[in-house]
């Protein structure tokens, strides 16, 4: 569906994208992660033909990106692009007309999109009366009104409460089940874990790691991670180093990578004679992977 090969883009002397390669298959949800300034917005603008790359190629649906590509791309930006004084139906009718939909087809698409985002009962409600979650769903409906094959969702749940977030996640799952290919950018790592079949981690304009969650977990040579709280951190680190355990800090927590799964009593025995306030075990998550890839330069590059 989307194939990006060796894209480069600079603003003056600042290179934003460096030989960027990315592929999204039909019907897939691809999560593009990265810190602010990594190049996500520039990548989206180039995909949408709003910005020209300095070099490289992009194909959408096996065709080079052009003005015609815009007809098969839907974009729901992070900021809702809605007319507050218009109703939900009026907003969708307006954008449908921009895409050239007319007559019965426009009416059917407006009704379908309202149903898809569960806003049929608010069709005639002014946008200004909607909750934040409803506005975000309507923003996605606008991106869907012309029946795109590729949907770009830029941080679709940022700022929403957990209930509204669940509604958006359910919507995204339903859209995938309809065969829509989705490029999702998010800072919420649990969101990417739940929704995405493939994940790419972008930093300084390059994809540093890419794959399924299980494939990305191979970047961390551990079976599980143990987090401890102790006033004798240096002693704990020295003990772990003797045993060949890698240590990391996640926030204010001291953590160790265990090369094999141990019973809890074995883990506690490892820190014998070290005063422990707490100890916990957890599997390798996308948060651990993301921090390792973005903060440490000696990571293994993984692509599929």
Foldseek 3Di string as FASTA:
>chain_A
DKWWFQFWAADVPATQAGRATDDFDWLFEEEEEEDPSLNPVVVVCVQLVVDPTPDTFMDDPNHTDDPVLNLQEFEQAPDQPFDQQFFLLVRLLVLLVVSPDDDPLLVVLSCVLCVLLVNNVRRRPGNNPDDPLSSLSSSQSSSPSSPHQEYEYEASCPPHDPVSVVSVLVSLVVVSVVRRYYYYYHPDQVSCLPGGQKYFYTGSNYGQAIGGFVQLLVQDQAFKKKWFDAPPVVLLVVLCVVVVWDWDDDDNIIMTGHNDDDDPVVVVVSCPPGDTPDMDMDGDGVVNSNCCRHPPDPIDYYDD
